[in-house]
PDB file of N, CA and C in Angstrom:
ATOM      1  N   MET A   1     -36.535  33.761 -21.460  1.00  0.00           N
ATOM      2  CA  MET A   1     -38.006  33.470 -21.325  1.00  0.00           C
ATOM      3  C   MET A   1     -38.737  34.850 -21.421  1.00  0.00           C
ATOM      4  N   VAL A   2     -39.914  34.869 -21.894  1.00  0.00           N
ATOM      5  CA  VAL A   2     -40.714  36.081 -22.152  1.00  0.00           C
ATOM      6  C   VAL A   2     -40.938  36.751 -20.757  1.00  0.00           C
ATOM      7  N   ASN A   3     -41.370  35.979 -19.751  1.00  0.00           N
ATOM      8  CA  ASN A   3     -41.622  36.570 -18.475  1.00  0.00           C
ATOM      9  C   ASN A   3     -40.496  37.354 -17.966  1.00  0.00           C
ATOM     10  N   GLU A   4     -39.286  36.791 -18.086  1.00  0.00           N
ATOM     11  CA  GLU A   4     -38.093  37.458 -17.556  1.00  0.00           C
ATOM     12  C   GLU A   4     -37.796  38.691 -18.346  1.00  0.00           C
ATOM     13  N   LEU A   5     -38.129  38.725 -19.690  1.00  0.00           N
ATOM     14  CA  LEU A   5     -37.970  40.016 -20.459  1.00  0.00           C
ATOM     15  C   LEU A   5     -38.930  41.021 -19.968  1.00  0.00           C
ATOM     16  N   TYR A   6     -40.179  40.623 -19.656  1.00  0.00           N
ATOM     17  CA  TYR A   6     -41.098  41.687 -19.272  1.00  0.00           C
ATOM     18  C   TYR A   6     -40.709  42.210 -17.884  1.00  0.00           C
ATOM     19  N   TRP A   7     -40.210  41.335 -16.977  1.00  0.00           N
ATOM     20  CA  TRP A   7     -39.844  41.736 -15.687  1.00  0.00           C
ATOM     21  C   TRP A   7     -38.614  42.679 -15.804  1.00  0.00           C
ATOM     22  N   LYS A   8     -37.605  42.378 -16.662  1.00  0.00           N
ATOM     23  CA  LYS A   8     -36.505  43.146 -16.825  1.00  0.00           C
ATOM     24  C   LYS A   8     -36.841  44.512 -17.314  1.00  0.00           C
ATOM     25  N   SER A   9     -37.829  44.554 -18.347  1.00  0.00           N
ATOM     26  CA  SER A   9     -38.262  45.830 -18.915  1.00  0.00           C
ATOM     27  C   SER A   9     -38.968  46.667 -17.976  1.00  0.00           C
ATOM     28  N   ALA A  10     -39.840  45.888 -17.094  1.00  0.00           N
ATOM     29  CA  ALA A  10     -40.582  46.716 -16.009  1.00  0.00           C
ATOM     30  C   ALA A  10     -39.656  47.341 -14.997  1.00  0.00           C
ATOM     31  N   ILE A  11     -38.625  46.657 -14.596  1.00  0.00           N
ATOM     32  CA  ILE A  11     -37.724  47.278 -13.628  1.00  0.00           C
ATOM     33  C   ILE A  11     -36.945  48.412 -14.243  1.00  0.00           C
ATOM     34  N   GLU A  12     -36.433  48.312 -15.490  1.00  0.00           N
ATOM     35  CA  GLU A  12     -35.711  49.448 -16.202  1.00  0.00           C
ATOM     36  C   GLU A  12     -36.680  50.568 -16.454  1.00  0.00           C
ATOM     37  N   LEU A  13     -37.916  50.419 -16.872  1.00  0.00           N
ATOM     38  CA  LEU A  13     -38.768  51.351 -17.123  1.00  0.00           C
ATOM     39  C   LEU A  13     -39.296  52.068 -15.877  1.00  0.00           C
ATOM     40  N   SER A  14     -39.402  51.261 -14.742  1.00  0.00           N
ATOM     41  CA  SER A  14     -39.754  51.826 -13.469  1.00  0.00           C
ATOM     42  C   SER A  14     -38.776  52.898 -13.008  1.00  0.00           C
ATOM     43  N   GLU A  15     -37.484  52.622 -13.205  1.00  0.00           N
ATOM     44  CA  GLU A  15     -36.421  53.667 -12.802  1.00  0.00           C
ATOM     45  C   GLU A  15     -36.548  54.923 -13.663  1.00  0.00           C
ATOM     46  N   GLN A  16     -36.822  54.832 -14.971  1.00  0.00           N
ATOM     47  CA  GLN A  16     -36.998  55.975 -15.830  1.00  0.00           C
ATOM     48  C   GLN A  16     -38.233  56.702 -15.528  1.00  0.00           C
ATOM     49  N   ALA A  17     -39.315  55.997 -15.251  1.00  0.00           N
ATOM     50  CA  ALA A  17     -40.644  56.611 -14.839  1.00  0.00           C
ATOM     51  C   ALA A  17     -40.579  57.292 -13.425  1.00  0.00           C
ATOM     52  N   ILE A  18     -39.838  56.859 -12.575  1.00  0.00           N
ATOM     53  CA  ILE A  18     -39.670  57.476 -11.265  1.00  0.00           C
ATOM     54  C   ILE A  18     -38.970  58.804 -11.487  1.00  0.00           C
ATOM     55  N   ALA A  19     -37.912  58.747 -12.235  1.00  0.00           N
ATOM     56  CA  ALA A  19     -37.074  59.980 -12.571  1.00  0.00           C
ATOM     57  C   ALA A  19     -37.905  61.002 -13.273  1.00  0.00           C
ATOM     58  N   SER A  20     -38.779  60.586 -14.169  1.00  0.00           N
ATOM     59  CA  SER A  20     -39.647  61.599 -14.882  1.00  0.00           C
ATOM     60  C   SER A  20     -40.919  62.001 -14.112  1.00  0.00           C
ATOM     61  N   GLN A  21     -41.117  61.388 -12.891  1.00  0.00           N
ATOM     62  CA  GLN A  21     -42.345  61.504 -12.093  1.00  0.00           C
ATOM     63  C   GLN A  21     -43.609  60.932 -12.778  1.00  0.00           C
ATOM     64  N   ALA A  22     -43.438  60.043 -13.644  1.00  0.00           N
ATOM     65  CA  ALA A  22     -44.628  59.407 -14.245  1.00  0.00           C
ATOM     66  C   ALA A  22     -45.084  58.315 -13.199  1.00  0.00           C
ATOM     67  N   LEU A  23     -44.276  57.819 -12.380  1.00  0.00           N
ATOM     68  CA  LEU A  23     -44.694  56.883 -11.273  1.00  0.00           C
ATOM     69  C   LEU A  23     -44.783  57.698 -10.045  1.00  0.00           C
ATOM     70  N   ILE A  24     -45.705  57.266  -9.157  1.00  0.00           N
ATOM     71  CA  ILE A  24     -45.835  57.783  -7.863  1.00  0.00           C
ATOM     72  C   ILE A  24     -45.957  56.645  -6.902  1.00  0.00           C
ATOM     73  N   PRO A  25     -44.784  56.185  -6.474  1.00  0.00           N
ATOM     74  CA  PRO A  25     -44.819  55.009  -5.489  1.00  0.00           C
ATOM     75  C   PRO A  25     -45.470  55.321  -4.216  1.00  0.00           C
ATOM     76  N   LEU A  26     -46.315  54.370  -3.715  1.00  0.00           N
ATOM     77  CA  LEU A  26     -46.922  54.450  -2.459  1.00  0.00           C
ATOM     78  C   LEU A  26     -46.135  53.694  -1.381  1.00  0.00           C
ATOM     79  N   SER A  27     -45.994  54.269  -0.276  1.00  0.00           N
ATOM     80  CA  SER A  27     -45.242  53.657   0.818  1.00  0.00           C
ATOM     81  C   SER A  27     -46.077  52.724   1.603  1.00  0.00           C
ATOM     82  N   THR A  28     -45.590  51.539   1.905  1.00  0.00           N
ATOM     83  CA  THR A  28     -46.294  50.501   2.648  1.00  0.00           C
ATOM     84  C   THR A  28     -45.461  49.861   3.698  1.00  0.00           C
ATOM     85  N   ASN A  29     -46.040  49.321   4.737  1.00  0.00           N
ATOM     86  CA  ASN A  29     -45.458  48.379   5.589  1.00  0.00           C
ATOM     87  C   ASN A  29     -45.846  46.933   5.249  1.00  0.00           C
ATOM     88  N   ILE A  30     -44.892  45.972   5.382  1.00  0.00           N
ATOM     89  CA  ILE A  30     -45.194  44.707   4.887  1.00  0.00           C
ATOM     90  C   ILE A  30     -45.297  43.772   6.087  1.00  0.00           C
ATOM     91  N   SER A  31     -46.351  42.950   6.232  1.00  0.00           N
ATOM     92  CA  SER A  31     -46.512  41.954   7.131  1.00  0.00           C
ATOM     93  C   SER A  31     -46.405  40.619   6.457  1.00  0.00           C
ATOM     94  N   LEU A  32     -45.667  39.634   6.933  1.00  0.00           N
ATOM     95  CA  LEU A  32     -45.665  38.373   6.312  1.00  0.00           C
ATOM     96  C   LEU A  32     -46.615  37.452   7.131  1.00  0.00           C
ATOM     97  N   ILE A  33     -47.466  36.795   6.337  1.00  0.00           N
ATOM     98  CA  ILE A  33     -48.469  35.785   6.941  1.00  0.00           C
ATOM     99  C   ILE A  33     -48.090  34.447   6.490  1.00  0.00           C
ATOM    100  N   THR A  34     -47.811  33.535   7.442  1.00  0.00           N
ATOM    101  CA  THR A  34     -47.420  32.203   7.126  1.00  0.00           C
ATOM    102  C   THR A  34     -48.577  31.249   7.403  1.00  0.00           C
ATOM    103  N   HIS A  35     -48.901  30.514   6.390  1.00  0.00           N
ATOM    104  CA  HIS A  35     -49.984  29.542   6.444  1.00  0.00           C
ATOM    105  C   HIS A  35     -49.474  28.201   6.140  1.00  0.00           C
ATOM    106  N   HIS A  36     -49.160  27.403   7.020  1.00  0.00           N
ATOM    107  CA  HIS A  36     -48.377  26.035   6.970  1.00  0.00           C
ATOM    108  C   HIS A  36     -46.933  26.419   6.582  1.00  0.00           C
ATOM    109  N   GLU A  37     -46.153  25.573   6.380  1.00  0.00           N
ATOM    110  CA  GLU A  37     -44.707  25.884   6.201  1.00  0.00           C
ATOM    111  C   GLU A  37     -44.466  26.348   4.675  1.00  0.00           C
ATOM    112  N   ALA A  38     -45.280  25.840   3.749  1.00  0.00           N
ATOM    113  CA  ALA A  38     -44.921  26.135   2.348  1.00  0.00           C
ATOM    114  C   ALA A  38     -45.676  27.445   1.829  1.00  0.00           C
ATOM    115  N   GLU A  39     -46.505  28.001   2.583  1.00  0.00           N
ATOM    116  CA  GLU A  39     -47.341  29.182   2.082  1.00  0.00           C
ATOM    117  C   GLU A  39     -46.976  30.352   2.875  1.00  0.00           C
ATOM    118  N   CYS A  40     -46.607  31.428   2.163  1.00  0.00           N
ATOM    119  CA  CYS A  40     -46.306  32.721   2.814  1.00  0.00           C
ATOM    120  C   CYS A  40     -46.884  33.779   1.983  1.00  0.00           C
ATOM    121  N   PHE A  41     -47.610  34.739   2.649  1.00  0.00           N
ATOM    122  CA  PHE A  41     -48.288  35.791   1.877  1.00  0.00           C
ATOM    123  C   PHE A  41     -47.789  37.211   2.464  1.00  0.00           C
ATOM    124  N   GLU A  42     -47.693  38.200   1.534  1.00  0.00           N
ATOM    125  CA  GLU A  42     -47.446  39.531   1.968  1.00  0.00           C
ATOM    126  C   GLU A  42     -48.672  40.338   2.076  1.00  0.00           C
ATOM    127  N   LEU A  43     -48.865  41.026   3.211  1.00  0.00           N
ATOM    128  CA  LEU A  43     -49.985  41.913   3.429  1.00  0.00           C
ATOM    129  C   LEU A  43     -49.305  43.326   3.529  1.00  0.00           C
ATOM    130  N   ARG A  44     -49.777  44.235   2.666  1.00  0.00           N
ATOM    131  CA  ARG A  44     -49.226  45.513   2.596  1.00  0.00           C
ATOM    132  C   ARG A  44     -50.180  46.517   3.193  1.00  0.00           C
ATOM    133  N   HIS A  45     -49.689  47.325   4.109  1.00  0.00           N
ATOM    134  CA  HIS A  45     -50.466  48.335   4.794  1.00  0.00           C
ATOM    135  C   HIS A  45     -49.996  49.721   4.295  1.00  0.00           C
ATOM    136  N   LEU A  46     -50.950  50.444   3.713  1.00  0.00           N
ATOM    137  CA  LEU A  46     -50.552  51.760   3.081  1.00  0.00           C
ATOM    138  C   LEU A  46     -50.264  52.800   4.203  1.00  0.00           C
ATOM    139  N   ILE A  47     -49.008  53.392   4.125  1.00  0.00           N
ATOM    140  CA  ILE A  47     -48.709  54.292   5.085  1.00  0.00           C
ATOM    141  C   ILE A  47     -48.591  55.793   4.524  1.00  0.00           C
ATOM    142  N   SER A  48     -48.510  55.864   3.125  1.00  0.00           N
ATOM    143  CA  SER A  48     -48.526  57.163   2.460  1.00  0.00           C
ATOM    144  C   SER A  48     -49.933  57.451   2.116  1.00  0.00           C
ATOM    145  N   LYS A  49     -50.276  58.751   2.004  1.00  0.00           N
ATOM    146  CA  LYS A  49     -51.579  59.180   1.639  1.00  0.00           C
ATOM    147  C   LYS A  49     -51.820  58.908   0.206  1.00  0.00           C
ATOM    148  N   PRO A  50     -52.906  58.289  -0.199  1.00  0.00           N
ATOM    149  CA  PRO A  50     -53.116  57.974  -1.724  1.00  0.00           C
ATOM    150  C   PRO A  50     -53.471  59.342  -2.315  1.00  0.00           C
ATOM    151  N   PRO A  51     -53.262  59.506  -3.602  1.00  0.00           N
ATOM    152  CA  PRO A  51     -53.664  60.756  -4.326  1.00  0.00           C
ATOM    153  C   PRO A  51     -55.243  60.936  -4.114  1.00  0.00           C
ATOM    154  N   ALA A  52     -55.726  62.146  -4.079  1.00  0.00           N
ATOM    155  CA  ALA A  52     -57.077  62.427  -3.735  1.00  0.00           C
ATOM    156  C   ALA A  52     -58.014  61.745  -4.739  1.00  0.00           C
ATOM    157  N   HIS A  53     -57.747  61.800  -6.027  1.00  0.00           N
ATOM    158  CA  HIS A  53     -58.694  61.085  -6.917  1.00  0.00           C
ATOM    159  C   HIS A  53     -58.819  59.623  -6.759  1.00  0.00           C
ATOM    160  N   ILE A  54     -57.997  58.911  -6.087  1.00  0.00           N
ATOM    161  CA  ILE A  54     -58.071  57.496  -5.809  1.00  0.00           C
ATOM    162  C   ILE A  54     -59.143  57.225  -4.725  1.00  0.00           C
ATOM    163  N   SER A  55     -59.186  58.252  -3.803  1.00  0.00           N
ATOM    164  CA  SER A  55     -60.069  58.121  -2.659  1.00  0.00           C
ATOM    165  C   SER A  55     -61.469  58.454  -2.879  1.00  0.00           C
ATOM    166  N   GLU A  56     -61.747  59.218  -4.104  1.00  0.00           N
ATOM    167  CA  GLU A  56     -63.108  59.590  -4.388  1.00  0.00           C
ATOM    168  C   GLU A  56     -63.978  58.360  -4.614  1.00  0.00           C
ATOM    169  N   GLN A  57     -65.278  58.496  -4.104  1.00  0.00           N
ATOM    170  CA  GLN A  57     -66.170  57.374  -4.224  1.00  0.00           C
ATOM    171  C   GLN A  57     -67.163  57.543  -5.371  1.00  0.00           C
ATOM    172  N   LYS A  58     -67.119  58.564  -6.057  1.00  0.00           N
ATOM    173  CA  LYS A  58     -68.177  58.685  -7.224  1.00  0.00           C
ATOM    174  C   LYS A  58     -67.696  57.967  -8.388  1.00  0.00           C
ATOM    175  N   PRO A  59     -68.639  57.682  -9.366  1.00  0.00           N
ATOM    176  CA  PRO A  59     -68.263  56.939 -10.612  1.00  0.00           C
ATOM    177  C   PRO A  59     -67.087  57.603 -11.365  1.00  0.00           C
ATOM    178  N   LYS A  60     -66.167  56.835 -11.792  1.00  0.00           N
ATOM    179  CA  LYS A  60     -65.043  57.447 -12.429  1.00  0.00           C
ATOM    180  C   LYS A  60     -64.931  56.969 -13.910  1.00  0.00           C
ATOM    181  N   PRO A  61     -64.275  57.832 -14.747  1.00  0.00           N
ATOM    182  CA  PRO A  61     -64.111  57.402 -16.115  1.00  0.00           C
ATOM    183  C   PRO A  61     -63.021  56.264 -16.076  1.00  0.00           C
ATOM    184  N   ASN A  62     -62.781  55.535 -17.188  1.00  0.00           N
ATOM    185  CA  ASN A  62     -61.800  54.486 -17.223  1.00  0.00           C
ATOM    186  C   ASN A  62     -60.451  55.094 -16.904  1.00  0.00           C
ATOM    187  N   PRO A  63     -59.787  54.685 -15.783  1.00  0.00           N
ATOM    188  CA  PRO A  63     -58.565  55.248 -15.389  1.00  0.00           C
ATOM    189  C   PRO A  63     -57.355  54.842 -16.253  1.00  0.00           C
ATOM    190  N   PHE A  64     -57.586  53.960 -17.281  1.00  0.00           N
ATOM    191  CA  PHE A  64     -56.500  53.439 -18.088  1.00  0.00           C
ATOM    192  C   PHE A  64     -56.610  54.050 -19.523  1.00  0.00           C
ATOM    193  N   ARG A  65     -57.602  54.804 -19.771  1.00  0.00           N
ATOM    194  CA  ARG A  65     -57.800  55.301 -21.199  1.00  0.00           C
ATOM    195  C   ARG A  65     -57.628  56.841 -21.128  1.00  0.00           C
ATOM    196  N   PRO A  66     -56.759  57.440 -21.824  1.00  0.00           N
ATOM    197  CA  PRO A  66     -55.590  56.755 -22.379  1.00  0.00           C
ATOM    198  C   PRO A  66     -54.575  56.447 -21.365  1.00  0.00           C
ATOM    199  N   TRP A  67     -53.810  55.460 -21.494  1.00  0.00           N
ATOM    200  CA  TRP A  67     -52.732  55.157 -20.573  1.00  0.00           C
ATOM    201  C   TRP A  67     -51.562  56.073 -20.876  1.00  0.00           C
ATOM    202  N   ASP A  68     -50.673  56.242 -19.813  1.00  0.00           N
ATOM    203  CA  ASP A  68     -49.555  57.072 -20.009  1.00  0.00           C
ATOM    204  C   ASP A  68     -48.488  56.249 -20.695  1.00  0.00           C
ATOM    205  N   GLU A  69     -48.115  56.680 -21.885  1.00  0.00           N
ATOM    206  CA  GLU A  69     -47.151  55.846 -22.686  1.00  0.00           C
ATOM    207  C   GLU A  69     -45.761  55.730 -22.096  1.00  0.00           C
ATOM    208  N   ARG A  70     -45.435  56.584 -21.096  1.00  0.00           N
ATOM    209  CA  ARG A  70     -44.222  56.496 -20.489  1.00  0.00           C
ATOM    210  C   ARG A  70     -44.230  55.234 -19.562  1.00  0.00           C
ATOM    211  N   LEU A  71     -45.350  54.715 -19.287  1.00  0.00           N
ATOM    212  CA  LEU A  71     -45.471  53.461 -18.472  1.00  0.00           C
ATOM    213  C   LEU A  71     -45.744  52.235 -19.179  1.00  0.00           C
ATOM    214  N   GLN A  72     -45.803  52.314 -20.595  1.00  0.00           N
ATOM    215  CA  GLN A  72     -46.014  51.220 -21.414  1.00  0.00           C
ATOM    216  C   GLN A  72     -44.792  50.252 -21.556  1.00  0.00           C
ATOM    217  N   ILE A  73     -45.042  49.031 -21.224  1.00  0.00           N
ATOM    218  CA  ILE A  73     -43.930  48.045 -21.358  1.00  0.00           C
ATOM    219  C   ILE A  73     -44.054  47.371 -22.759  1.00  0.00           C
ATOM    220  N   ASP A  74     -45.161  46.816 -23.117  1.00  0.00           N
ATOM    221  CA  ASP A  74     -45.333  46.193 -24.410  1.00  0.00           C
ATOM    222  C   ASP A  74     -46.775  46.072 -24.749  1.00  0.00           C
ATOM    223  N   LEU A  75     -47.116  45.960 -26.101  1.00  0.00           N
ATOM    224  CA  LEU A  75     -48.403  45.741 -26.539  1.00  0.00           C
ATOM    225  C   LEU A  75     -48.455  44.152 -26.673  1.00  0.00           C
ATOM    226  N   ILE A  76     -49.594  43.598 -26.242  1.00  0.00           N
ATOM    227  CA  ILE A  76     -49.789  42.181 -26.170  1.00  0.00           C
ATOM    228  C   ILE A  76     -50.876  41.855 -27.203  1.00  0.00           C
ATOM    229  N   LYS A  77     -50.396  41.190 -28.310  1.00  0.00           N
ATOM    230  CA  LYS A  77     -51.331  40.814 -29.430  1.00  0.00           C
ATOM    231  C   LYS A  77     -51.953  42.117 -29.892  1.00  0.00           C
ATOM    232  N   ASN A  78     -53.191  42.098 -30.264  1.00  0.00           N
ATOM    233  CA  ASN A  78     -53.949  43.313 -30.748  1.00  0.00           C
ATOM    234  C   ASN A  78     -54.995  43.797 -29.715  1.00  0.00           C
ATOM    235  N   SER A  79     -55.019  43.220 -28.543  1.00  0.00           N
ATOM    236  CA  SER A  79     -56.109  43.456 -27.639  1.00  0.00           C
ATOM    237  C   SER A  79     -55.664  43.986 -26.325  1.00  0.00           C
ATOM    238  N   HIS A  80     -54.461  43.831 -25.933  1.00  0.00           N
ATOM    239  CA  HIS A  80     -54.039  44.239 -24.578  1.00  0.00           C
ATOM    240  C   HIS A  80     -52.757  45.011 -24.549  1.00  0.00           C
ATOM    241  N   VAL A  81     -52.475  45.690 -23.519  1.00  0.00           N
ATOM    242  CA  VAL A  81     -51.135  46.455 -23.365  1.00  0.00           C
ATOM    243  C   VAL A  81     -50.765  46.164 -21.799  1.00  0.00           C
ATOM    244  N   LEU A  82     -49.392  46.001 -21.668  1.00  0.00           N
ATOM    245  CA  LEU A  82     -48.763  45.747 -20.450  1.00  0.00           C
ATOM    246  C   LEU A  82     -48.153  47.054 -20.021  1.00  0.00           C
ATOM    247  N   ILE A  83     -48.607  47.664 -18.838  1.00  0.00           N
ATOM    248  CA  ILE A  83     -48.072  48.932 -18.332  1.00  0.00           C
ATOM    249  C   ILE A  83     -47.682  48.767 -16.853  1.00  0.00           C
ATOM    250  N   LEU A  84     -46.895  49.752 -16.496  1.00  0.00           N
ATOM    251  CA  LEU A  84     -46.561  49.855 -15.057  1.00  0.00           C
ATOM    252  C   LEU A  84     -47.681  50.482 -14.377  1.00  0.00           C
ATOM    253  N   ASN A  85     -47.928  50.082 -13.136  1.00  0.00           N
ATOM    254  CA  ASN A  85     -48.971  50.720 -12.293  1.00  0.00           C
ATOM    255  C   ASN A  85     -48.458  52.010 -11.839  1.00  0.00           C
ATOM    256  N   LYS A  86     -49.233  53.072 -12.191  1.00  0.00           N
ATOM    257  CA  LYS A  86     -48.775  54.479 -11.925  1.00  0.00           C
ATOM    258  C   LYS A  86     -48.539  54.674 -10.304  1.00  0.00           C
ATOM    259  N   TYR A  87     -49.267  53.923  -9.508  1.00  0.00           N
ATOM    260  CA  TYR A  87     -49.162  54.059  -8.058  1.00  0.00           C
ATOM    261  C   TYR A  87     -48.692  52.726  -7.457  1.00  0.00           C
ATOM    262  N   PRO A  88     -47.491  52.249  -7.790  1.00  0.00           N
ATOM    263  CA  PRO A  88     -47.109  50.915  -7.330  1.00  0.00           C
ATOM    264  C   PRO A  88     -46.778  50.799  -5.841  1.00  0.00           C
ATOM    265  N   VAL A  89     -47.015  49.668  -5.331  1.00  0.00           N
ATOM    266  CA  VAL A  89     -46.613  49.381  -3.847  1.00  0.00           C
ATOM    267  C   VAL A  89     -45.283  48.660  -3.879  1.00  0.00           C
ATOM    268  N   GLN A  90     -44.765  48.287  -5.018  1.00  0.00           N
ATOM    269  CA  GLN A  90     -43.433  47.711  -5.165  1.00  0.00           C
ATOM    270  C   GLN A  90     -42.971  47.981  -6.641  1.00  0.00           C
ATOM    271  N   ILE A  91     -41.730  48.136  -6.798  1.00  0.00           N
ATOM    272  CA  ILE A  91     -41.128  48.448  -8.082  1.00  0.00           C
ATOM    273  C   ILE A  91     -41.436  47.301  -9.043  1.00  0.00           C
ATOM    274  N   GLY A  92     -41.777  47.594 -10.283  1.00  0.00           N
ATOM    275  CA  GLY A  92     -42.092  46.475 -11.274  1.00  0.00           C
ATOM    276  C   GLY A  92     -43.510  46.084 -11.259  1.00  0.00           C
ATOM    277  N   HIS A  93     -44.340  46.787 -10.561  1.00  0.00           N
ATOM    278  CA  HIS A  93     -45.847  46.432 -10.351  1.00  0.00           C
ATOM    279  C   HIS A  93     -46.433  46.707 -11.771  1.00  0.00           C
ATOM    280  N   MET A  94     -46.905  45.585 -12.469  1.00  0.00           N
ATOM    281  CA  MET A  94     -47.430  45.667 -13.794  1.00  0.00           C
ATOM    282  C   MET A  94     -48.890  45.426 -13.804  1.00  0.00           C
ATOM    283  N   LEU A  95     -49.503  45.978 -14.812  1.00  0.00           N
ATOM    284  CA  LEU A  95     -50.978  45.786 -15.087  1.00  0.00           C
ATOM    285  C   LEU A  95     -51.193  45.358 -16.528  1.00  0.00           C
ATOM    286  N   LEU A  96     -51.955  44.326 -16.792  1.00  0.00           N
ATOM    287  CA  LEU A  96     -52.329  43.930 -18.118  1.00  0.00           C
ATOM    288  C   LEU A  96     -53.701  44.411 -18.379  1.00  0.00           C
ATOM    289  N   ILE A  97     -53.904  45.392 -19.316  1.00  0.00           N
ATOM    290  CA  ILE A  97     -55.251  46.043 -19.526  1.00  0.00           C
ATOM    291  C   ILE A  97     -55.649  45.818 -20.968  1.00  0.00           C
ATOM    292  N   THR A  98     -56.910  45.911 -21.154  1.00  0.00           N
ATOM    293  CA  THR A  98     -57.373  45.815 -22.643  1.00  0.00           C
ATOM    294  C   THR A  98     -57.157  47.167 -23.380  1.00  0.00           C
ATOM    295  N   ASN A  99     -56.969  47.143 -24.579  1.00  0.00           N
ATOM    296  CA  ASN A  99     -56.766  48.425 -25.408  1.00  0.00           C
ATOM    297  C   ASN A  99     -58.027  49.216 -25.429  1.00  0.00           C
ATOM    298  N   LYS A 100     -59.216  48.544 -25.355  1.00  0.00           N
ATOM    299  CA  LYS A 100     -60.480  49.264 -25.344  1.00  0.00           C
ATOM    300  C   LYS A 100     -61.137  48.942 -24.013  1.00  0.00           C
ATOM    301  N   TRP A 101     -62.012  49.845 -23.608  1.00  0.00           N
ATOM    302  CA  TRP A 101     -62.627  49.630 -22.357  1.00  0.00           C
ATOM    303  C   TRP A 101     -63.699  48.524 -22.415  1.00  0.00           C
ATOM    304  N   LEU A 102     -63.685  47.724 -21.429  1.00  0.00           N
ATOM    305  CA  LEU A 102     -64.647  46.574 -21.295  1.00  0.00           C
ATOM    306  C   LEU A 102     -65.170  46.607 -19.846  1.00  0.00           C
ATOM    307  N   PRO A 103     -66.456  46.291 -19.629  1.00  0.00           N
ATOM    308  CA  PRO A 103     -66.987  46.248 -18.279  1.00  0.00           C
ATOM    309  C   PRO A 103     -66.392  45.091 -17.485  1.00  0.00           C
TER     310      PRO A 103
END
């Protein structure tokens, strides 16, 4: 399945990106919230300090342009790219972004 290939690629690329310091994992505590018996959600509480530029409140340029090619998993059609989140809260955290900036 395509989804499994992307997941496998994301896990393998995460290991390489952590080794090259392209990824900066954020530490979190996890709380499980159960709503009825069939629904369970994860709530993550950030325990590591986020990088300073993430905390800034002023307008920012597009944070994905250009994206770090070391985090690129795959190009999707001609309009999107699948990348690893540079500041993941879990290994394999992927983002689907447009090739060009869109509001």
